Amino acid sequence: MKTFLLKGLQIIESQNEEIVKTDINLLDGLIINREDDNNTWLIEALVDKNYLDFFKVIQEKEEQVMIEVKISKTTNAPATFITSIDSINNIGKHINVMLMGKIIDKRKSKIEEMLSELIEKGYEGEILLTKFKSLL
């Protein structure tokens, strides 16, 4: 296993036909490449308790959630993961959110997903291109 510092976390959701990124203020965090046969990563984020309801809603949906994380330095490009919330633990005035997931090839998978969503929403031609560029 390889362990890295978690320096940034964003939750990516689709809301009202828009892709919304929610910045999570980290108090501390780790990201662990488990180096198993499934290419699984464990993301552990220590955050303020005011995020409890936000993460509970995501966990209760029992759906996968896309996240972007910055590993080791805030200046690094974000890595994209498809995850699910494994657990939420109270630690004093904070909560510890454990996410399990797989890293995705951001360049290809995310672009394909964004394009598919825009096409499904009826965008085409020059409007599709303009809307797509605004999301990048």
C-alpha atoms as a PDB file:
ATOM      1  CA  MET A   1       0.000   0.000   0.000  1.00  0.00           C
ATOM      2  CA  LYS A   2       1.056   3.551  -0.656  1.00  0.00           C
ATOM      3  CA  THR A   3      -0.173   6.422   1.503  1.00  0.00           C
ATOM      4  CA  PHE A   4      -0.327  10.073   0.473  1.00  0.00           C
ATOM      5  CA  LEU A   5      -1.532  13.294   2.074  1.00  0.00           C
ATOM      6  CA  LEU A   6      -4.984  14.431   1.018  1.00  0.00           C
ATOM      7  CA  LYS A   7      -4.713  18.153   0.280  1.00  0.00           C
ATOM      8  CA  GLY A   8      -7.979  18.909  -1.484  1.00  0.00           C
ATOM      9  CA  LEU A   9     -11.430  17.359  -1.861  1.00  0.00           C
ATOM     10  CA  GLN A  10     -14.355  18.264  -4.090  1.00  0.00           C
ATOM     11  CA  ILE A  11     -17.631  16.387  -4.421  1.00  0.00           C
ATOM     12  CA  ILE A  12     -18.998  16.419  -7.973  1.00  0.00           C
ATOM     13  CA  GLU A  13     -22.761  16.120  -8.383  1.00  0.00           C
ATOM     14  CA  SER A  14     -25.340  16.690 -11.055  1.00  0.00           C
ATOM     15  CA  GLN A  15     -27.978  19.134  -9.777  1.00  0.00           C
ATOM     16  CA  ASN A  16     -30.728  20.721 -11.856  1.00  0.00           C
ATOM     17  CA  GLU A  17     -29.054  19.693 -15.096  1.00  0.00           C
ATOM     18  CA  GLU A  18     -25.755  21.281 -14.024  1.00  0.00           C
ATOM     19  CA  ILE A  19     -22.505  19.743 -12.809  1.00  0.00           C
ATOM     20  CA  VAL A  20     -21.823  21.171  -9.346  1.00  0.00           C
ATOM     21  CA  LYS A  21     -18.514  20.901  -7.499  1.00  0.00           C
ATOM     22  CA  THR A  22     -18.609  21.325  -3.733  1.00  0.00           C
ATOM     23  CA  ASP A  23     -15.301  22.215  -2.083  1.00  0.00           C
ATOM     24  CA  ILE A  24     -14.810  20.442   1.225  1.00  0.00           C
ATOM     25  CA  ASN A  25     -12.631  22.251   3.770  1.00  0.00           C
ATOM     26  CA  LEU A  26     -10.249  19.596   5.005  1.00  0.00           C
ATOM     27  CA  LEU A  27      -8.774  19.614   8.466  1.00  0.00           C
ATOM     28  CA  ASP A  28      -6.609  16.628   7.578  1.00  0.00           C
ATOM     29  CA  GLY A  29      -6.720  13.628   5.316  1.00  0.00           C
ATOM     30  CA  LEU A  30      -5.027  10.658   3.752  1.00  0.00           C
ATOM     31  CA  ILE A  31      -5.420   8.807   0.497  1.00  0.00           C
ATOM     32  CA  ILE A  32      -4.254   5.219   0.281  1.00  0.00           C
ATOM     33  CA  ASN A  33      -3.633   3.201  -2.842  1.00  0.00           C
ATOM     34  CA  ARG A  34      -4.459  -0.269  -1.580  1.00  0.00           C
ATOM     35  CA  GLU A  35      -2.671  -1.807  -4.569  1.00  0.00           C
ATOM     36  CA  ASP A  36      -5.144  -4.694  -4.601  1.00  0.00           C
ATOM     37  CA  ASP A  37      -6.521  -6.651  -7.564  1.00  0.00           C
ATOM     38  CA  ASN A  38      -9.465  -4.219  -7.841  1.00  0.00           C
ATOM     39  CA  ASN A  39      -7.287  -1.066  -7.942  1.00  0.00           C
ATOM     40  CA  THR A  40      -9.119   0.265  -4.874  1.00  0.00           C
ATOM     41  CA  TRP A  41      -8.235   3.513  -3.124  1.00  0.00           C
ATOM     42  CA  LEU A  42      -9.258   4.595   0.372  1.00  0.00           C
ATOM     43  CA  ILE A  43      -9.843   8.305   0.898  1.00  0.00           C
ATOM     44  CA  GLU A  44     -10.020   9.470   4.518  1.00  0.00           C
ATOM     45  CA  ALA A  45     -11.108  13.056   5.167  1.00  0.00           C
ATOM     46  CA  LEU A  46     -11.241  14.738   8.555  1.00  0.00           C
ATOM     47  CA  VAL A  47     -13.698  17.630   8.319  1.00  0.00           C
ATOM     48  CA  ASP A  48     -15.786  19.896  10.538  1.00  0.00           C
ATOM     49  CA  LYS A  49     -19.002  18.397  11.906  1.00  0.00           C
ATOM     50  CA  ASN A  50     -21.069  20.914   9.918  1.00  0.00           C
ATOM     51  CA  TYR A  51     -20.560  18.586   6.896  1.00  0.00           C
ATOM     52  CA  LEU A  52     -22.333  15.700   8.654  1.00  0.00           C
ATOM     53  CA  ASP A  53     -25.754  16.218   7.032  1.00  0.00           C
ATOM     54  CA  PHE A  54     -24.172  16.778   3.606  1.00  0.00           C
ATOM     55  CA  PHE A  55     -22.299  13.468   3.725  1.00  0.00           C
ATOM     56  CA  LYS A  56     -25.220  11.587   5.341  1.00  0.00           C
ATOM     57  CA  VAL A  57     -27.466  12.535   2.402  1.00  0.00           C
ATOM     58  CA  ILE A  58     -24.886  11.198  -0.046  1.00  0.00           C
ATOM     59  CA  GLN A  59     -24.411   8.019   1.991  1.00  0.00           C
ATOM     60  CA  GLU A  60     -28.159   7.383   2.270  1.00  0.00           C
ATOM     61  CA  LYS A  61     -28.577   7.577  -1.515  1.00  0.00           C
ATOM     62  CA  GLU A  62     -26.327   4.516  -1.714  1.00  0.00           C
ATOM     63  CA  GLU A  63     -25.080   5.784  -5.057  1.00  0.00           C
ATOM     64  CA  GLN A  64     -21.571   6.232  -6.231  1.00  0.00           C
ATOM     65  CA  VAL A  65     -20.211   9.735  -6.021  1.00  0.00           C
ATOM     66  CA  MET A  66     -17.560  11.334  -8.176  1.00  0.00           C
ATOM     67  CA  ILE A  67     -14.851  13.224  -6.326  1.00  0.00           C
ATOM     68  CA  GLU A  68     -11.741  15.149  -7.234  1.00  0.00           C
ATOM     69  CA  VAL A  69      -8.814  15.116  -4.848  1.00  0.00           C
ATOM     70  CA  LYS A  70      -5.473  16.820  -4.695  1.00  0.00           C
ATOM     71  CA  ILE A  71      -2.746  14.472  -3.574  1.00  0.00           C
ATOM     72  CA  SER A  72       0.390  15.530  -1.672  1.00  0.00           C
ATOM     73  CA  LYS A  73       0.312  19.237  -2.701  1.00  0.00           C
ATOM     74  CA  THR A  74      -2.456  21.740  -3.324  1.00  0.00           C
ATOM     75  CA  THR A  75      -0.682  22.721  -6.540  1.00  0.00           C
ATOM     76  CA  ASN A  76      -1.006  19.216  -8.030  1.00  0.00           C
ATOM     77  CA  ALA A  77      -3.652  18.567 -10.655  1.00  0.00           C
ATOM     78  CA  PRO A  78      -6.717  16.871  -9.193  1.00  0.00           C
ATOM     79  CA  ALA A  79      -7.261  13.136  -9.575  1.00  0.00           C
ATOM     80  CA  THR A  80     -10.812  11.945 -10.202  1.00  0.00           C
ATOM     81  CA  PHE A  81     -12.393   8.975  -8.426  1.00  0.00           C
ATOM     82  CA  ILE A  82     -15.697   7.147  -8.462  1.00  0.00           C
ATOM     83  CA  THR A  83     -16.378   6.347  -4.813  1.00  0.00           C
ATOM     84  CA  SER A  84     -18.953   5.412  -2.248  1.00  0.00           C
ATOM     85  CA  ILE A  85     -19.020   6.477   1.377  1.00  0.00           C
ATOM     86  CA  ASP A  86     -17.856   3.555   3.487  1.00  0.00           C
ATOM     87  CA  SER A  87     -18.373   5.211   6.867  1.00  0.00           C
ATOM     88  CA  ILE A  88     -18.830   8.486   8.712  1.00  0.00           C
ATOM     89  CA  ASN A  89     -17.381   8.607  12.218  1.00  0.00           C
ATOM     90  CA  ASN A  90     -17.728  11.238  14.928  1.00  0.00           C
ATOM     91  CA  ILE A  91     -14.400  12.394  16.350  1.00  0.00           C
ATOM     92  CA  GLY A  92     -15.028  15.129  18.913  1.00  0.00           C
ATOM     93  CA  LYS A  93     -15.967  18.327  17.066  1.00  0.00           C
ATOM     94  CA  HIS A  94     -15.148  16.716  13.731  1.00  0.00           C
ATOM     95  CA  ILE A  95     -16.167  13.842  11.505  1.00  0.00           C
ATOM     96  CA  ASN A  96     -14.036  11.359   9.648  1.00  0.00           C
ATOM     97  CA  VAL A  97     -15.438  10.412   6.231  1.00  0.00           C
ATOM     98  CA  MET A  98     -14.115   7.213   4.667  1.00  0.00           C
ATOM     99  CA  LEU A  99     -14.630   6.797   0.930  1.00  0.00           C
ATOM    100  CA  MET A 100     -13.672   3.752  -1.129  1.00  0.00           C
ATOM    101  CA  GLY A 101     -13.315   3.942  -4.855  1.00  0.00           C
ATOM    102  CA  LYS A 102     -11.393   3.698  -8.052  1.00  0.00           C
ATOM    103  CA  ILE A 103      -9.349   6.294  -9.823  1.00  0.00           C
ATOM    104  CA  ILE A 104     -10.588   7.055 -13.304  1.00  0.00           C
ATOM    105  CA  ASP A 105      -8.792   8.302 -16.362  1.00  0.00           C
ATOM    106  CA  LYS A 106     -10.021  11.853 -16.022  1.00  0.00           C
ATOM    107  CA  ARG A 107      -9.049  12.884 -19.492  1.00  0.00           C
ATOM    108  CA  LYS A 108     -11.180  10.271 -21.177  1.00  0.00           C
ATOM    109  CA  SER A 109     -13.895   9.104 -18.780  1.00  0.00           C
ATOM    110  CA  LYS A 110     -14.875  12.496 -17.397  1.00  0.00           C
ATOM    111  CA  ILE A 111     -14.982  14.102 -20.814  1.00  0.00           C
ATOM    112  CA  GLU A 112     -17.141  11.283 -22.178  1.00  0.00           C
ATOM    113  CA  GLU A 113     -19.485  11.538 -19.198  1.00  0.00           C
ATOM    114  CA  MET A 114     -19.834  15.318 -19.442  1.00  0.00           C
ATOM    115  CA  LEU A 115     -20.466  15.145 -23.177  1.00  0.00           C
ATOM    116  CA  SER A 116     -23.060  12.399 -22.759  1.00  0.00           C
ATOM    117  CA  GLU A 117     -24.928  14.412 -20.130  1.00  0.00           C
ATOM    118  CA  LEU A 118     -24.979  17.512 -22.320  1.00  0.00           C
ATOM    119  CA  ILE A 119     -26.206  15.557 -25.352  1.00  0.00           C
ATOM    120  CA  GLU A 120     -28.925  13.912 -23.229  1.00  0.00           C
ATOM    121  CA  LYS A 121     -30.025  17.411 -22.180  1.00  0.00           C
ATOM    122  CA  GLY A 122     -30.527  18.311 -25.824  1.00  0.00           C
ATOM    123  CA  TYR A 123     -27.466  20.446 -26.487  1.00  0.00           C
ATOM    124  CA  GLU A 124     -26.063  20.202 -30.002  1.00  0.00           C
ATOM    125  CA  GLY A 125     -23.865  21.978 -32.481  1.00  0.00           C
ATOM    126  CA  GLU A 126     -22.215  25.232 -31.446  1.00  0.00           C
ATOM    127  CA  ILE A 127     -24.281  25.463 -28.230  1.00  0.00           C
ATOM    128  CA  LEU A 128     -23.009  21.999 -27.210  1.00  0.00           C
ATOM    129  CA  LEU A 129     -19.415  23.092 -27.818  1.00  0.00           C
ATOM    130  CA  THR A 130     -19.869  26.343 -25.856  1.00  0.00           C
ATOM    131  CA  LYS A 131     -21.540  24.581 -22.911  1.00  0.00           C
ATOM    132  CA  PHE A 132     -18.882  21.851 -22.900  1.00  0.00           C
ATOM    133  CA  LYS A 133     -16.040  24.386 -22.873  1.00  0.00           C
ATOM    134  CA  SER A 134     -17.649  26.185 -19.931  1.00  0.00           C
ATOM    135  CA  LEU A 135     -17.480  22.961 -17.887  1.00  0.00           C
ATOM    136  CA  LEU A 136     -13.777  22.317 -18.520  1.00  0.00           C
END
